[in-house]
């Protein structure tokens, strides 16, 4: 299993948009995304220029049911 590399919220949002997610709303520094095709939702915290921690990234990947391998392929592609 490949190592999970932290990523900036902006990069993760690009991946989510590529996967068909759309921004539903924003509350403070949390951006809520929804994919109407799959019915999945997730929240991306944006706190300045900070990278997303590995724990938060794991939770987001679990929310959208994306494996670490698929995430790494998309991260390098996008």
Protein backbone atom coordinates (compact mmCIF):
# COMPACT_ATOMS: atom_id res chain seq x y z
CA UNK A 1 0.00 0.00 0.00
CA UNK A 2 1.50 3.35 -1.01
CA UNK A 3 2.22 6.03 1.53
CA UNK A 4 -0.48 8.67 1.86
CA UNK A 5 1.01 12.02 0.89
CA UNK A 6 -0.48 15.21 2.38
CA UNK A 7 -1.94 17.65 -0.08
CA UNK A 8 -3.13 21.23 -0.08
CA UNK A 9 -6.88 21.81 0.12
CA UNK A 10 -6.79 23.47 -3.32
CA UNK A 11 -5.26 20.35 -4.90
CA UNK A 12 -7.80 18.10 -3.19
CA UNK A 13 -10.64 20.31 -4.42
CA UNK A 14 -9.31 19.94 -7.99
CA UNK A 15 -9.42 16.15 -7.53
CA UNK A 16 -12.97 16.32 -6.15
CA UNK A 17 -14.13 18.46 -9.08
CA UNK A 18 -12.50 16.00 -11.49
CA UNK A 19 -14.45 13.18 -9.82
CA UNK A 20 -17.75 15.03 -10.35
CA UNK A 21 -18.19 16.70 -6.97
CA UNK A 22 -19.67 20.20 -6.80
CA UNK A 23 -19.41 22.73 -4.03
CA UNK A 24 -22.75 22.84 -2.23
CA UNK A 25 -22.04 25.44 0.44
CA UNK A 26 -19.42 27.07 2.61
CA UNK A 27 -19.63 27.60 6.34
CA UNK A 28 -16.65 29.46 7.71
CA UNK A 29 -13.50 27.69 6.55
CA UNK A 30 -15.28 24.44 5.67
CA UNK A 31 -16.31 23.75 2.09
CA UNK A 32 -19.01 21.10 1.57
CA UNK A 33 -18.97 19.01 -1.61
CA UNK A 34 -21.64 16.72 -3.08
CA UNK A 35 -21.63 14.30 -6.01
CA UNK A 36 -25.16 13.91 -7.34
CA UNK A 37 -24.22 10.81 -9.37
CA UNK A 38 -22.98 8.82 -6.38
CA UNK A 39 -24.79 10.62 -3.55
CA UNK A 40 -21.53 11.01 -1.62
CA UNK A 41 -20.63 14.10 0.42
CA UNK A 42 -17.47 15.36 2.06
CA UNK A 43 -16.12 18.43 3.80
CA UNK A 44 -12.77 20.09 3.06
CA UNK A 45 -11.35 22.41 5.73
CA UNK A 46 -9.35 25.32 4.31
CA UNK A 47 -7.17 26.98 6.92
CA UNK A 48 -4.84 29.35 5.13
CA UNK A 49 -1.92 27.71 3.37
CA UNK A 50 -1.84 24.63 5.63
CA UNK A 51 -1.66 21.15 4.10
CA UNK A 52 -4.40 18.70 5.03
CA UNK A 53 -3.19 16.29 7.70
CA UNK A 54 -3.01 12.59 6.90
CA UNK A 55 -5.88 11.90 9.32
CA UNK A 56 -8.23 14.42 7.68
CA UNK A 57 -7.22 13.17 4.23
CA UNK A 58 -8.00 9.56 5.25
CA UNK A 59 -11.46 10.63 6.45
CA UNK A 60 -12.17 12.46 3.18
CA UNK A 61 -11.04 9.45 1.12
CA UNK A 62 -13.27 7.23 3.26
CA UNK A 63 -16.23 9.63 2.73
CA UNK A 64 -15.87 9.50 -1.05
CA UNK A 65 -14.85 5.81 -1.09
CA UNK A 66 -11.57 6.41 -2.91
CA UNK A 67 -8.60 4.11 -2.25
CA UNK A 68 -5.14 5.44 -1.46
CA UNK A 69 -3.87 3.98 -4.75
CA UNK A 70 -6.56 5.77 -6.78
CA UNK A 71 -5.92 8.99 -4.85
CA UNK A 72 -2.18 8.83 -5.57
CA UNK A 73 -2.82 8.29 -9.30
CA UNK A 74 -5.16 11.29 -9.39
CA UNK A 75 -2.81 13.44 -7.29
CA UNK A 76 0.01 12.88 -9.78
CA UNK A 77 -2.27 13.28 -12.81
CA UNK A 78 -4.03 16.50 -11.81
